[in-house]
Amino acid sequence: MRLRALDITLAALFAALMAIGANITSFIVVGGVPITLTTFFSILSGLLLGSR
């Protein structure tokens, strides 16, 4: 299996977005625990990059 340059670039982009998203809390609080954007970015990266 060979990785394309686009796949490597997207993986680096989503890693950076997850690092930034961990510091940004949304206005959703479930049981006293704030939900961060890291969950959103990890699901989005899984959808776009696939199961490699």
PDB file of N, CA and C in Angstrom:
ATOM      1  N   MET A   1       0.848  -1.169   0.000  1.00  0.00           N
ATOM      2  CA  MET A   1       0.000   0.000   0.000  1.00  0.00           C
ATOM      3  C   MET A   1       0.899   1.239   0.000  1.00  0.00           C
ATOM      4  N   ARG A   2       0.590   2.143  -0.860  1.00  0.00           N
ATOM      5  CA  ARG A   2       1.383   3.355  -0.998  1.00  0.00           C
ATOM      6  C   ARG A   2       0.527   4.564  -0.647  1.00  0.00           C
ATOM      7  N   LEU A   3       1.085   5.434   0.176  1.00  0.00           N
ATOM      8  CA  LEU A   3       0.355   6.634   0.561  1.00  0.00           C
ATOM      9  C   LEU A   3       0.625   7.747  -0.441  1.00  0.00           C
ATOM     10  N   ARG A   4      -0.432   8.431  -0.807  1.00  0.00           N
ATOM     11  CA  ARG A   4      -0.281   9.572  -1.712  1.00  0.00           C
ATOM     12  C   ARG A   4       0.064  10.812  -0.900  1.00  0.00           C
ATOM     13  N   ALA A   5       0.574  11.813  -1.593  1.00  0.00           N
ATOM     14  CA  ALA A   5       0.934  13.062  -0.923  1.00  0.00           C
ATOM     15  C   ALA A   5      -0.301  13.733  -0.332  1.00  0.00           C
ATOM     16  N   LEU A   6      -1.432  13.584  -0.983  1.00  0.00           N
ATOM     17  CA  LEU A   6      -2.675  14.177  -0.474  1.00  0.00           C
ATOM     18  C   LEU A   6      -3.078  13.537   0.848  1.00  0.00           C
ATOM     19  N   ASP A   7      -2.931  12.220   0.969  1.00  0.00           N
ATOM     20  CA  ASP A   7      -3.285  11.538   2.213  1.00  0.00           C
ATOM     21  C   ASP A   7      -2.397  12.005   3.369  1.00  0.00           C
ATOM     22  N   ILE A   8      -1.112  12.151   3.105  1.00  0.00           N
ATOM     23  CA  ILE A   8      -0.188  12.597   4.151  1.00  0.00           C
ATOM     24  C   ILE A   8      -0.496  14.033   4.554  1.00  0.00           C
ATOM     25  N   THR A   9      -0.818  14.867   3.576  1.00  0.00           N
ATOM     26  CA  THR A   9      -1.152  16.263   3.864  1.00  0.00           C
ATOM     27  C   THR A   9      -2.436  16.360   4.681  1.00  0.00           C
ATOM     28  N   LEU A  10      -3.444  15.590   4.318  1.00  0.00           N
ATOM     29  CA  LEU A  10      -4.703  15.610   5.072  1.00  0.00           C
ATOM     30  C   LEU A  10      -4.521  15.086   6.488  1.00  0.00           C
ATOM     31  N   ALA A  11      -3.691  14.067   6.663  1.00  0.00           N
ATOM     32  CA  ALA A  11      -3.431  13.540   8.006  1.00  0.00           C
ATOM     33  C   ALA A  11      -2.757  14.601   8.870  1.00  0.00           C
ATOM     34  N   ALA A  12      -1.806  15.330   8.304  1.00  0.00           N
ATOM     35  CA  ALA A  12      -1.137  16.395   9.056  1.00  0.00           C
ATOM     36  C   ALA A  12      -2.105  17.536   9.359  1.00  0.00           C
ATOM     37  N   LEU A  13      -2.960  17.850   8.412  1.00  0.00           N
ATOM     38  CA  LEU A  13      -3.946  18.914   8.614  1.00  0.00           C
ATOM     39  C   LEU A  13      -4.913  18.555   9.733  1.00  0.00           C
ATOM     40  N   PHE A  14      -5.400  17.324   9.735  1.00  0.00           N
ATOM     41  CA  PHE A  14      -6.348  16.927  10.777  1.00  0.00           C
ATOM     42  C   PHE A  14      -5.667  16.810  12.134  1.00  0.00           C
ATOM     43  N   ALA A  15      -4.400  16.440  12.168  1.00  0.00           N
ATOM     44  CA  ALA A  15      -3.673  16.429  13.445  1.00  0.00           C
ATOM     45  C   ALA A  15      -3.572  17.838  14.012  1.00  0.00           C
ATOM     46  N   ALA A  16      -3.308  18.809  13.143  1.00  0.00           N
ATOM     47  CA  ALA A  16      -3.236  20.203  13.589  1.00  0.00           C
ATOM     48  C   ALA A  16      -4.613  20.703  14.025  1.00  0.00           C
ATOM     49  N   LEU A  17      -5.663  20.340  13.277  1.00  0.00           N
ATOM     50  CA  LEU A  17      -7.015  20.763  13.648  1.00  0.00           C
ATOM     51  C   LEU A  17      -7.452  20.154  14.979  1.00  0.00           C
ATOM     52  N   MET A  18      -7.056  18.909  15.245  1.00  0.00           N
ATOM     53  CA  MET A  18      -7.401  18.289  16.522  1.00  0.00           C
ATOM     54  C   MET A  18      -6.668  18.962  17.674  1.00  0.00           C
ATOM     55  N   ALA A  19      -5.430  19.369  17.437  1.00  0.00           N
ATOM     56  CA  ALA A  19      -4.684  20.075  18.489  1.00  0.00           C
ATOM     57  C   ALA A  19      -5.323  21.419  18.795  1.00  0.00           C
ATOM     58  N   ILE A  20      -5.765  22.112  17.765  1.00  0.00           N
ATOM     59  CA  ILE A  20      -6.431  23.396  17.968  1.00  0.00           C
ATOM     60  C   ILE A  20      -7.821  23.183  18.578  1.00  0.00           C
ATOM     61  N   GLY A  21      -8.534  22.175  18.082  1.00  0.00           N
ATOM     62  CA  GLY A  21      -9.883  21.904  18.562  1.00  0.00           C
ATOM     63  C   GLY A  21      -9.929  21.455  20.011  1.00  0.00           C
ATOM     64  N   ALA A  22      -8.838  20.918  20.515  1.00  0.00           N
ATOM     65  CA  ALA A  22      -8.803  20.498  21.923  1.00  0.00           C
ATOM     66  C   ALA A  22      -8.840  21.701  22.849  1.00  0.00           C
ATOM     67  N   ASN A  23      -8.385  22.831  22.362  1.00  0.00           N
ATOM     68  CA  ASN A  23      -8.368  24.033  23.195  1.00  0.00           C
ATOM     69  C   ASN A  23      -9.623  24.878  23.054  1.00  0.00           C
ATOM     70  N   ILE A  24     -10.475  24.542  22.102  1.00  0.00           N
ATOM     71  CA  ILE A  24     -11.703  25.297  21.882  1.00  0.00           C
ATOM     72  C   ILE A  24     -12.876  24.460  22.380  1.00  0.00           C
ATOM     73  N   THR A  25     -13.519  24.937  23.403  1.00  0.00           N
ATOM     74  CA  THR A  25     -14.690  24.212  23.900  1.00  0.00           C
ATOM     75  C   THR A  25     -15.938  24.824  23.289  1.00  0.00           C
ATOM     76  N   SER A  26     -16.864  23.977  22.936  1.00  0.00           N
ATOM     77  CA  SER A  26     -18.123  24.465  22.392  1.00  0.00           C
ATOM     78  C   SER A  26     -19.067  24.800  23.547  1.00  0.00           C
ATOM     79  N   PHE A  27     -20.245  25.205  23.225  1.00  0.00           N
ATOM     80  CA  PHE A  27     -21.210  25.597  24.242  1.00  0.00           C
ATOM     81  C   PHE A  27     -22.036  24.419  24.732  1.00  0.00           C
ATOM     82  N   ILE A  28     -21.705  23.224  24.275  1.00  0.00           N
ATOM     83  CA  ILE A  28     -22.438  22.029  24.683  1.00  0.00           C
ATOM     84  C   ILE A  28     -21.778  21.438  25.921  1.00  0.00           C
ATOM     85  N   VAL A  29     -22.540  21.274  26.973  1.00  0.00           N
ATOM     86  CA  VAL A  29     -22.042  20.673  28.207  1.00  0.00           C
ATOM     87  C   VAL A  29     -22.943  19.498  28.538  1.00  0.00           C
ATOM     88  N   VAL A  30     -22.368  18.310  28.636  1.00  0.00           N
ATOM     89  CA  VAL A  30     -23.132  17.105  28.937  1.00  0.00           C
ATOM     90  C   VAL A  30     -22.688  16.589  30.301  1.00  0.00           C
ATOM     91  N   GLY A  31     -23.564  16.660  31.261  1.00  0.00           N
ATOM     92  CA  GLY A  31     -23.255  16.163  32.603  1.00  0.00           C
ATOM     93  C   GLY A  31     -22.095  16.903  33.258  1.00  0.00           C
ATOM     94  N   GLY A  32     -21.939  18.167  32.965  1.00  0.00           N
ATOM     95  CA  GLY A  32     -20.861  18.940  33.547  1.00  0.00           C
ATOM     96  C   GLY A  32     -19.542  18.848  32.800  1.00  0.00           C
ATOM     97  N   VAL A  33     -19.503  18.048  31.713  1.00  0.00           N
ATOM     98  CA  VAL A  33     -18.281  17.876  30.934  1.00  0.00           C
ATOM     99  C   VAL A  33     -18.428  18.634  29.618  1.00  0.00           C
ATOM    100  N   PRO A  34     -17.557  19.611  29.349  1.00  0.00           N
ATOM    101  CA  PRO A  34     -17.666  20.346  28.083  1.00  0.00           C
ATOM    102  C   PRO A  34     -17.207  19.492  26.901  1.00  0.00           C
ATOM    103  N   ILE A  35     -17.912  19.604  25.807  1.00  0.00           N
ATOM    104  CA  ILE A  35     -17.571  18.868  24.594  1.00  0.00           C
ATOM    105  C   ILE A  35     -16.649  19.748  23.753  1.00  0.00           C
ATOM    106  N   THR A  36     -15.489  19.218  23.381  1.00  0.00           N
ATOM    107  CA  THR A  36     -14.542  19.983  22.574  1.00  0.00           C
ATOM    108  C   THR A  36     -14.726  19.633  21.107  1.00  0.00           C
ATOM    109  N   LEU A  37     -14.047  20.354  20.248  1.00  0.00           N
ATOM    110  CA  LEU A  37     -14.139  20.110  18.813  1.00  0.00           C
ATOM    111  C   LEU A  37     -13.260  18.945  18.350  1.00  0.00           C
ATOM    112  N   THR A  38     -12.486  18.367  19.263  1.00  0.00           N
ATOM    113  CA  THR A  38     -11.630  17.240  18.905  1.00  0.00           C
ATOM    114  C   THR A  38     -12.454  16.058  18.409  1.00  0.00           C
ATOM    115  N   THR A  39     -13.581  15.821  19.036  1.00  0.00           N
ATOM    116  CA  THR A  39     -14.453  14.722  18.616  1.00  0.00           C
ATOM    117  C   THR A  39     -14.941  14.935  17.190  1.00  0.00           C
ATOM    118  N   PHE A  40     -15.350  16.144  16.879  1.00  0.00           N
ATOM    119  CA  PHE A  40     -15.826  16.460  15.539  1.00  0.00           C
ATOM    120  C   PHE A  40     -14.726  16.257  14.499  1.00  0.00           C
ATOM    121  N   PHE A  41     -13.525  16.755  14.782  1.00  0.00           N
ATOM    122  CA  PHE A  41     -12.426  16.646  13.821  1.00  0.00           C
ATOM    123  C   PHE A  41     -11.959  15.196  13.656  1.00  0.00           C
ATOM    124  N   SER A  42     -12.015  14.394  14.709  1.00  0.00           N
ATOM    125  CA  SER A  42     -11.602  13.004  14.570  1.00  0.00           C
ATOM    126  C   SER A  42     -12.598  12.205  13.728  1.00  0.00           C
ATOM    127  N   ILE A  43     -13.882  12.461  13.894  1.00  0.00           N
ATOM    128  CA  ILE A  43     -14.891  11.784  13.076  1.00  0.00           C
ATOM    129  C   ILE A  43     -14.796  12.248  11.630  1.00  0.00           C
ATOM    130  N   LEU A  44     -14.583  13.540  11.419  1.00  0.00           N
ATOM    131  CA  LEU A  44     -14.444  14.077  10.071  1.00  0.00           C
ATOM    132  C   LEU A  44     -13.211  13.507   9.365  1.00  0.00           C
ATOM    133  N   SER A  45     -12.125  13.368  10.087  1.00  0.00           N
ATOM    134  CA  SER A  45     -10.918  12.804   9.466  1.00  0.00           C
ATOM    135  C   SER A  45     -11.117  11.338   9.112  1.00  0.00           C
ATOM    136  N   GLY A  46     -11.823  10.608   9.959  1.00  0.00           N
ATOM    137  CA  GLY A  46     -12.107   9.212   9.651  1.00  0.00           C
ATOM    138  C   GLY A  46     -12.986   9.068   8.413  1.00  0.00           C
ATOM    139  N   LEU A  47     -13.910   9.977   8.235  1.00  0.00           N
ATOM    140  CA  LEU A  47     -14.782   9.926   7.061  1.00  0.00           C
ATOM    141  C   LEU A  47     -14.021  10.277   5.784  1.00  0.00           C
ATOM    142  N   LEU A  48     -13.146  11.267   5.862  1.00  0.00           N
ATOM    143  CA  LEU A  48     -12.449  11.717   4.658  1.00  0.00           C
ATOM    144  C   LEU A  48     -11.233  10.856   4.292  1.00  0.00           C
ATOM    145  N   LEU A  49     -10.501  10.376   5.309  1.00  0.00           N
ATOM    146  CA  LEU A  49      -9.296   9.611   5.023  1.00  0.00           C
ATOM    147  C   LEU A  49      -9.556   8.122   4.811  1.00  0.00           C
ATOM    148  N   GLY A  50     -10.607   7.624   5.371  1.00  0.00           N
ATOM    149  CA  GLY A  50     -10.900   6.205   5.202  1.00  0.00           C
ATOM    150  C   GLY A  50     -10.241   5.364   6.295  1.00  0.00           C
ATOM    151  N   SER A  51     -10.182   4.078   6.091  1.00  0.00           N
ATOM    152  CA  SER A  51      -9.734   3.154   7.128  1.00  0.00           C
ATOM    153  C   SER A  51      -8.277   2.713   6.959  1.00  0.00           C
ATOM    154  N   ARG A  52      -7.464   3.556   6.436  1.00  0.00           N
ATOM    155  CA  ARG A  52      -6.051   3.174   6.306  1.00  0.00           C
ATOM    156  C   ARG A  52      -5.357   3.483   7.563  1.00  0.00           C
TER     157      ARG A  52
END
